[in-house]
Amino acid sequence: MADPIEELTSSELGTAEYWKSAYQKELRNFEDHGDAGEVWFGEQIERRIVKYLARHCDKKAAVVDIGCGNGHLLVTLADDEGFENLTGIDYVEEALSLARRIAADSGVAPMITFMQGDLLSTECSGAFDVIVDKGTYDAICLMPGMCDGVRRKYIESIKRLMNKQNSDSVLFLITSCNWTKDELLVHFRGDFELISELPAPTFSFGGSTGRTVTSLVFRIK
């Protein structure tokens, strides 16, 4: 029997109230100053995700960003790389309002559908060829009461979002700053197999080298 996963200490970053308040502020900043807000994990990490998808996916592929926030990743995929079948899901309506405004101002609104949904709900489903998670799993793992049962709900939601007619070729790309490659492999070992790891910035300390962010690409087993 596998050892139990040691969960993270819960944080306000794992609550809907935190994100609702955060995106209310970002929406006001956008309305007042045109500031699109934060690029989660920074532009360098996002650019690597975009370039990977541009190299490995058809521009007509159905791509979903789960926990899309301000939609910056999707806007970049549409504006810079010509992707045209994009969806953003978030459970915070204020985030979606901001994302729609940014997409409209960027001239790519017709290529992106934004919809409200709770990833841990059985109502969250679809038929996507690419599923991208850039920090949402991290936030879920910071929820009060996080346990393996919640992780199971997350995994089952990822499966429900997959294109069932071609599920063995669906890409699941996850980026995390809270979990290492080895830890993520343990979390998803029974359901997904690793096919690629995106390069990420490294740091050195005390003779050891590590990464601040991990980006992995999986396929269903």
C-alpha atoms as a PDB file:
ATOM      1  CA  MET A   1       0.000   0.000   0.000  1.00  0.00           C
ATOM      2  CA  ALA A   2       1.331   3.427  -0.949  1.00  0.00           C
ATOM      3  CA  ASP A   3       2.256   5.884   1.764  1.00  0.00           C
ATOM      4  CA  PRO A   4      -0.359   8.601   2.347  1.00  0.00           C
ATOM      5  CA  ILE A   5       0.322  11.964   0.738  1.00  0.00           C
ATOM      6  CA  GLU A   6       1.405  14.644   3.175  1.00  0.00           C
ATOM      7  CA  GLU A   7      -0.950  17.540   2.521  1.00  0.00           C
ATOM      8  CA  LEU A   8      -0.025  21.223   2.525  1.00  0.00           C
ATOM      9  CA  THR A   9      -1.018  23.537   5.347  1.00  0.00           C
ATOM     10  CA  SER A  10      -4.322  25.171   4.447  1.00  0.00           C
ATOM     11  CA  SER A  11      -4.338  28.821   3.399  1.00  0.00           C
ATOM     12  CA  GLU A  12      -6.747  31.559   2.395  1.00  0.00           C
ATOM     13  CA  LEU A  13      -5.473  30.966  -1.156  1.00  0.00           C
ATOM     14  CA  GLY A  14      -7.600  27.840  -1.087  1.00  0.00           C
ATOM     15  CA  THR A  15     -10.866  29.707  -0.481  1.00  0.00           C
ATOM     16  CA  ALA A  16     -13.364  31.186  -2.921  1.00  0.00           C
ATOM     17  CA  GLU A  17     -13.687  34.265  -0.708  1.00  0.00           C
ATOM     18  CA  TYR A  18     -10.028  35.147  -1.221  1.00  0.00           C
ATOM     19  CA  TRP A  19     -10.227  34.906  -5.003  1.00  0.00           C
ATOM     20  CA  LYS A  20     -13.524  36.769  -5.187  1.00  0.00           C
ATOM     21  CA  SER A  21     -11.988  39.684  -3.279  1.00  0.00           C
ATOM     22  CA  ALA A  22      -8.771  39.548  -5.311  1.00  0.00           C
ATOM     23  CA  TYR A  23     -10.567  39.689  -8.656  1.00  0.00           C
ATOM     24  CA  GLN A  24     -12.923  42.414  -7.504  1.00  0.00           C
ATOM     25  CA  LYS A  25      -9.794  44.532  -6.962  1.00  0.00           C
ATOM     26  CA  GLU A  26      -8.243  43.490 -10.277  1.00  0.00           C
ATOM     27  CA  LEU A  27     -11.464  44.280 -12.130  1.00  0.00           C
ATOM     28  CA  ARG A  28     -11.545  47.764 -10.585  1.00  0.00           C
ATOM     29  CA  ASN A  29      -7.880  48.288 -11.487  1.00  0.00           C
ATOM     30  CA  PHE A  30      -8.593  47.298 -15.076  1.00  0.00           C
ATOM     31  CA  GLU A  31     -11.577  49.632 -15.294  1.00  0.00           C
ATOM     32  CA  ASP A  32      -9.634  52.521 -13.743  1.00  0.00           C
ATOM     33  CA  HIS A  33      -6.157  52.041 -15.212  1.00  0.00           C
ATOM     34  CA  GLY A  34      -6.336  49.372 -17.916  1.00  0.00           C
ATOM     35  CA  ASP A  35      -4.161  47.062 -15.801  1.00  0.00           C
ATOM     36  CA  ALA A  36      -4.857  43.452 -16.830  1.00  0.00           C
ATOM     37  CA  GLY A  37      -3.514  42.107 -13.556  1.00  0.00           C
ATOM     38  CA  GLU A  38      -1.074  39.374 -12.639  1.00  0.00           C
ATOM     39  CA  VAL A  39       0.243  36.690 -14.961  1.00  0.00           C
ATOM     40  CA  TRP A  40       0.205  33.697 -12.641  1.00  0.00           C
ATOM     41  CA  PHE A  41       3.753  32.223 -12.306  1.00  0.00           C
ATOM     42  CA  GLY A  42       5.057  35.035 -14.516  1.00  0.00           C
ATOM     43  CA  GLU A  43       5.302  35.647 -18.243  1.00  0.00           C
ATOM     44  CA  GLN A  44       8.347  33.407 -18.737  1.00  0.00           C
ATOM     45  CA  ILE A  45       6.506  30.307 -17.519  1.00  0.00           C
ATOM     46  CA  GLU A  46       3.382  31.227 -19.478  1.00  0.00           C
ATOM     47  CA  ARG A  47       5.436  31.727 -22.637  1.00  0.00           C
ATOM     48  CA  ARG A  48       6.895  28.225 -22.310  1.00  0.00           C
ATOM     49  CA  ILE A  49       3.401  26.760 -21.973  1.00  0.00           C
ATOM     50  CA  VAL A  50       2.212  28.688 -25.024  1.00  0.00           C
ATOM     51  CA  LYS A  51       5.195  27.607 -27.114  1.00  0.00           C
ATOM     52  CA  TYR A  52       4.752  23.964 -26.114  1.00  0.00           C
ATOM     53  CA  LEU A  53       1.099  23.994 -27.125  1.00  0.00           C
ATOM     54  CA  ALA A  54       1.898  25.801 -30.372  1.00  0.00           C
ATOM     55  CA  ARG A  55       4.446  23.103 -31.275  1.00  0.00           C
ATOM     56  CA  HIS A  56       2.370  20.079 -30.300  1.00  0.00           C
ATOM     57  CA  CYS A  57      -1.274  21.004 -30.905  1.00  0.00           C
ATOM     58  CA  ASP A  58      -3.449  21.908 -33.864  1.00  0.00           C
ATOM     59  CA  LYS A  59      -4.700  25.493 -33.754  1.00  0.00           C
ATOM     60  CA  LYS A  60      -8.256  24.148 -33.955  1.00  0.00           C
ATOM     61  CA  ALA A  61      -7.783  21.878 -30.922  1.00  0.00           C
ATOM     62  CA  ALA A  62     -10.310  22.417 -28.141  1.00  0.00           C
ATOM     63  CA  VAL A  63      -8.250  23.866 -25.286  1.00  0.00           C
ATOM     64  CA  VAL A  64      -9.551  24.561 -21.782  1.00  0.00           C
ATOM     65  CA  ASP A  65      -7.794  26.520 -19.042  1.00  0.00           C
ATOM     66  CA  ILE A  66      -9.204  25.377 -15.691  1.00  0.00           C
ATOM     67  CA  GLY A  67      -9.121  28.172 -13.142  1.00  0.00           C
ATOM     68  CA  CYS A  68      -8.415  30.662 -15.913  1.00  0.00           C
ATOM     69  CA  GLY A  69      -8.430  33.794 -13.743  1.00  0.00           C
ATOM     70  CA  ASN A  70      -7.983  36.866 -15.926  1.00  0.00           C
ATOM     71  CA  GLY A  71      -7.684  34.699 -19.042  1.00  0.00           C
ATOM     72  CA  HIS A  72      -4.216  35.961 -19.958  1.00  0.00           C
ATOM     73  CA  LEU A  73      -2.984  32.541 -21.084  1.00  0.00           C
ATOM     74  CA  LEU A  74      -5.960  32.064 -23.413  1.00  0.00           C
ATOM     75  CA  VAL A  75      -5.670  35.575 -24.821  1.00  0.00           C
ATOM     76  CA  THR A  76      -1.997  34.916 -25.563  1.00  0.00           C
ATOM     77  CA  LEU A  77      -2.789  31.591 -27.253  1.00  0.00           C
ATOM     78  CA  ALA A  78      -5.349  33.312 -29.470  1.00  0.00           C
ATOM     79  CA  ASP A  79      -3.496  36.554 -30.132  1.00  0.00           C
ATOM     80  CA  ASP A  80       0.062  35.274 -30.561  1.00  0.00           C
ATOM     81  CA  GLU A  81      -0.433  31.727 -31.856  1.00  0.00           C
ATOM     82  CA  GLY A  82      -3.807  31.735 -33.618  1.00  0.00           C
ATOM     83  CA  PHE A  83      -5.634  29.189 -31.463  1.00  0.00           C
ATOM     84  CA  GLU A  84      -9.337  29.564 -32.133  1.00  0.00           C
ATOM     85  CA  ASN A  85     -11.262  27.074 -29.970  1.00  0.00           C
ATOM     86  CA  LEU A  86     -10.472  28.147 -26.422  1.00  0.00           C
ATOM     87  CA  THR A  87     -12.429  27.908 -23.174  1.00  0.00           C
ATOM     88  CA  GLY A  88     -11.749  29.341 -19.742  1.00  0.00           C
ATOM     89  CA  ILE A  89     -13.422  27.971 -16.623  1.00  0.00           C
ATOM     90  CA  ASP A  90     -13.353  29.666 -13.237  1.00  0.00           C
ATOM     91  CA  TYR A  91     -15.591  29.535 -10.191  1.00  0.00           C
ATOM     92  CA  VAL A  92     -15.255  33.272  -9.523  1.00  0.00           C
ATOM     93  CA  GLU A  93     -17.558  35.434 -11.648  1.00  0.00           C
ATOM     94  CA  GLU A  94     -15.396  38.522 -11.090  1.00  0.00           C
ATOM     95  CA  ALA A  95     -12.447  36.712 -12.685  1.00  0.00           C
ATOM     96  CA  LEU A  96     -14.584  35.850 -15.705  1.00  0.00           C
ATOM     97  CA  SER A  97     -15.827  39.436 -16.025  1.00  0.00           C
ATOM     98  CA  LEU A  98     -12.227  40.626 -16.093  1.00  0.00           C
ATOM     99  CA  ALA A  99     -11.213  37.908 -18.562  1.00  0.00           C
ATOM    100  CA  ARG A 100     -14.034  38.813 -20.951  1.00  0.00           C
ATOM    101  CA  ARG A 101     -13.033  42.496 -20.857  1.00  0.00           C
ATOM    102  CA  ILE A 102      -9.380  41.696 -21.536  1.00  0.00           C
ATOM    103  CA  ALA A 103     -10.259  39.330 -24.401  1.00  0.00           C
ATOM    104  CA  ALA A 104     -12.560  41.930 -25.946  1.00  0.00           C
ATOM    105  CA  ASP A 105      -9.942  44.668 -25.690  1.00  0.00           C
ATOM    106  CA  SER A 106      -7.390  42.334 -27.291  1.00  0.00           C
ATOM    107  CA  GLY A 107      -9.716  41.559 -30.201  1.00  0.00           C
ATOM    108  CA  VAL A 108      -9.841  37.813 -29.544  1.00  0.00           C
ATOM    109  CA  ALA A 109     -13.204  37.480 -27.794  1.00  0.00           C
ATOM    110  CA  PRO A 110     -14.715  35.387 -30.654  1.00  0.00           C
ATOM    111  CA  MET A 111     -12.062  32.705 -30.101  1.00  0.00           C
ATOM    112  CA  ILE A 112     -12.610  32.297 -26.351  1.00  0.00           C
ATOM    113  CA  THR A 113     -15.604  31.120 -24.330  1.00  0.00           C
ATOM    114  CA  PHE A 114     -15.574  31.900 -20.621  1.00  0.00           C
ATOM    115  CA  MET A 115     -17.830  29.962 -18.298  1.00  0.00           C
ATOM    116  CA  GLN A 116     -18.388  29.698 -14.569  1.00  0.00           C
ATOM    117  CA  GLY A 117     -17.865  26.288 -13.036  1.00  0.00           C
ATOM    118  CA  ASP A 118     -16.558  24.517  -9.956  1.00  0.00           C
ATOM    119  CA  LEU A 119     -13.920  21.996 -10.939  1.00  0.00           C
ATOM    120  CA  LEU A 120     -14.768  19.799  -7.957  1.00  0.00           C
ATOM    121  CA  SER A 121     -18.398  19.542  -9.038  1.00  0.00           C
ATOM    122  CA  THR A 122     -19.694  16.679 -11.152  1.00  0.00           C
ATOM    123  CA  GLU A 123     -21.334  19.303 -13.381  1.00  0.00           C
ATOM    124  CA  CYS A 124     -17.919  20.269 -14.780  1.00  0.00           C
ATOM    125  CA  SER A 125     -17.484  18.282 -18.009  1.00  0.00           C
ATOM    126  CA  GLY A 126     -16.606  18.752 -21.664  1.00  0.00           C
ATOM    127  CA  ALA A 127     -14.864  17.339 -24.731  1.00  0.00           C
ATOM    128  CA  PHE A 128     -11.458  18.998 -24.766  1.00  0.00           C
ATOM    129  CA  ASP A 129      -8.259  17.969 -26.523  1.00  0.00           C
ATOM    130  CA  VAL A 130      -6.004  19.934 -24.176  1.00  0.00           C
ATOM    131  CA  ILE A 131      -6.542  20.672 -20.478  1.00  0.00           C
ATOM    132  CA  VAL A 132      -4.295  23.274 -18.857  1.00  0.00           C
ATOM    133  CA  ASP A 133      -3.966  23.871 -15.126  1.00  0.00           C
ATOM    134  CA  LYS A 134      -1.703  26.774 -14.175  1.00  0.00           C
ATOM    135  CA  GLY A 135      -1.974  26.982 -10.396  1.00  0.00           C
ATOM    136  CA  THR A 136      -5.496  25.694  -9.801  1.00  0.00           C
ATOM    137  CA  TYR A 137      -4.406  22.348  -8.373  1.00  0.00           C
ATOM    138  CA  ASP A 138      -2.107  24.300  -6.058  1.00  0.00           C
ATOM    139  CA  ALA A 139      -5.037  26.360  -4.804  1.00  0.00           C
ATOM    140  CA  ILE A 140      -7.224  23.278  -4.345  1.00  0.00           C
ATOM    141  CA  CYS A 141      -4.474  21.664  -2.270  1.00  0.00           C
ATOM    142  CA  LEU A 142      -4.551  24.692   0.053  1.00  0.00           C
ATOM    143  CA  MET A 143      -8.258  24.276   0.782  1.00  0.00           C
ATOM    144  CA  PRO A 144      -9.242  23.730   4.413  1.00  0.00           C
ATOM    145  CA  GLY A 145      -9.982  20.026   4.751  1.00  0.00           C
ATOM    146  CA  MET A 146      -7.924  18.983   1.737  1.00  0.00           C
ATOM    147  CA  CYS A 147      -7.622  15.194   1.584  1.00  0.00           C
ATOM    148  CA  ASP A 148      -7.170  12.408  -0.920  1.00  0.00           C
ATOM    149  CA  GLY A 149     -10.930  12.359  -1.499  1.00  0.00           C
ATOM    150  CA  VAL A 150     -10.773  15.943  -2.785  1.00  0.00           C
ATOM    151  CA  ARG A 151      -7.797  15.019  -4.954  1.00  0.00           C
ATOM    152  CA  ARG A 152      -9.861  12.167  -6.371  1.00  0.00           C
ATOM    153  CA  LYS A 153     -12.628  14.632  -7.289  1.00  0.00           C
ATOM    154  CA  TYR A 154     -10.064  16.783  -9.096  1.00  0.00           C
ATOM    155  CA  ILE A 155      -8.744  13.817 -11.083  1.00  0.00           C
ATOM    156  CA  GLU A 156     -12.232  12.653 -12.028  1.00  0.00           C
ATOM    157  CA  SER A 157     -13.079  16.186 -13.188  1.00  0.00           C
ATOM    158  CA  ILE A 158     -10.017  16.207 -15.433  1.00  0.00           C
ATOM    159  CA  LYS A 159     -11.210  12.939 -16.960  1.00  0.00           C
ATOM    160  CA  ARG A 160     -14.733  14.318 -17.493  1.00  0.00           C
ATOM    161  CA  LEU A 161     -13.283  17.264 -19.393  1.00  0.00           C
ATOM    162  CA  MET A 162     -11.449  15.011 -21.846  1.00  0.00           C
ATOM    163  CA  ASN A 163     -12.615  14.387 -25.391  1.00  0.00           C
ATOM    164  CA  LYS A 164     -14.033  10.875 -24.950  1.00  0.00           C
ATOM    165  CA  GLN A 165     -13.673  10.020 -28.650  1.00  0.00           C
ATOM    166  CA  ASN A 166      -9.922  10.573 -28.490  1.00  0.00           C
ATOM    167  CA  SER A 167      -9.096  10.386 -24.779  1.00  0.00           C
ATOM    168  CA  ASP A 168      -5.780   8.568 -25.205  1.00  0.00           C
ATOM    169  CA  SER A 169      -4.319  11.566 -27.060  1.00  0.00           C
ATOM    170  CA  VAL A 170      -5.707  14.332 -24.817  1.00  0.00           C
ATOM    171  CA  LEU A 171      -2.963  16.414 -23.193  1.00  0.00           C
ATOM    172  CA  PHE A 172      -3.177  17.400 -19.529  1.00  0.00           C
ATOM    173  CA  LEU A 173      -0.607  20.120 -18.798  1.00  0.00           C
ATOM    174  CA  ILE A 174      -0.222  21.107 -15.154  1.00  0.00           C
ATOM    175  CA  THR A 175       2.029  23.780 -13.660  1.00  0.00           C
ATOM    176  CA  SER A 176       2.670  23.887  -9.923  1.00  0.00           C
ATOM    177  CA  CYS A 177       4.801  25.882  -7.520  1.00  0.00           C
ATOM    178  CA  ASN A 178       3.800  23.818  -4.476  1.00  0.00           C
ATOM    179  CA  TRP A 179       4.592  20.301  -5.680  1.00  0.00           C
ATOM    180  CA  THR A 180       7.713  18.803  -7.254  1.00  0.00           C
ATOM    181  CA  LYS A 181       7.791  16.538 -10.284  1.00  0.00           C
ATOM    182  CA  ASP A 182       8.177  13.450  -8.105  1.00  0.00           C
ATOM    183  CA  GLU A 183       5.274  14.476  -5.885  1.00  0.00           C
ATOM    184  CA  LEU A 184       2.960  15.108  -8.826  1.00  0.00           C
ATOM    185  CA  LEU A 185       3.884  11.737 -10.297  1.00  0.00           C
ATOM    186  CA  VAL A 186       2.772  10.131  -7.035  1.00  0.00           C
ATOM    187  CA  HIS A 187      -0.472  12.125  -6.972  1.00  0.00           C
ATOM    188  CA  PHE A 188      -1.466  11.054 -10.492  1.00  0.00           C
ATOM    189  CA  ARG A 189       0.273   7.652 -10.726  1.00  0.00           C
ATOM    190  CA  GLY A 190      -2.861   5.561 -11.128  1.00  0.00           C
ATOM    191  CA  ASP A 191      -4.544   7.739 -13.732  1.00  0.00           C
ATOM    192  CA  PHE A 192      -2.062   9.616 -15.932  1.00  0.00           C
ATOM    193  CA  GLU A 193       1.329   8.905 -17.483  1.00  0.00           C
ATOM    194  CA  LEU A 194       4.029  11.516 -17.958  1.00  0.00           C
ATOM    195  CA  ILE A 195       4.967  12.323 -21.543  1.00  0.00           C
ATOM    196  CA  SER A 196       6.946  15.548 -21.178  1.00  0.00           C
ATOM    197  CA  GLU A 197       8.413  18.055 -18.744  1.00  0.00           C
ATOM    198  CA  LEU A 198       8.695  21.712 -19.684  1.00  0.00           C
ATOM    199  CA  PRO A 199      11.938  23.516 -18.813  1.00  0.00           C
ATOM    200  CA  ALA A 200      11.714  25.841 -15.842  1.00  0.00           C
ATOM    201  CA  PRO A 201      13.985  28.327 -14.054  1.00  0.00           C
ATOM    202  CA  THR A 202      16.358  26.702 -11.553  1.00  0.00           C
ATOM    203  CA  PHE A 203      18.076  27.912  -8.412  1.00  0.00           C
ATOM    204  CA  SER A 204      21.124  26.683  -6.507  1.00  0.00           C
ATOM    205  CA  PHE A 205      21.646  26.735  -2.768  1.00  0.00           C
ATOM    206  CA  GLY A 206      24.053  24.843  -0.546  1.00  0.00           C
ATOM    207  CA  GLY A 207      25.333  22.763  -3.426  1.00  0.00           C
ATOM    208  CA  SER A 208      21.861  21.613  -4.493  1.00  0.00           C
ATOM    209  CA  THR A 209      19.835  22.676  -7.520  1.00  0.00           C
ATOM    210  CA  GLY A 210      16.068  22.957  -7.585  1.00  0.00           C
ATOM    211  CA  ARG A 211      13.126  24.501  -9.406  1.00  0.00           C
ATOM    212  CA  THR A 212      10.611  27.059  -8.249  1.00  0.00           C
ATOM    213  CA  VAL A 213       7.957  25.828 -10.699  1.00  0.00           C
ATOM    214  CA  THR A 214       7.182  22.427 -12.210  1.00  0.00           C
ATOM    215  CA  SER A 215       5.341  21.994 -15.536  1.00  0.00           C
ATOM    216  CA  LEU A 216       4.410  18.465 -16.592  1.00  0.00           C
ATOM    217  CA  VAL A 217       2.421  17.074 -19.515  1.00  0.00           C
ATOM    218  CA  PHE A 218       0.381  13.910 -18.994  1.00  0.00           C
ATOM    219  CA  ARG A 219      -1.854  11.559 -20.944  1.00  0.00           C
ATOM    220  CA  ILE A 220      -4.488   9.283 -19.478  1.00  0.00           C
ATOM    221  CA  LYS A 221      -3.391   5.705 -18.804  1.00  0.00           C
END
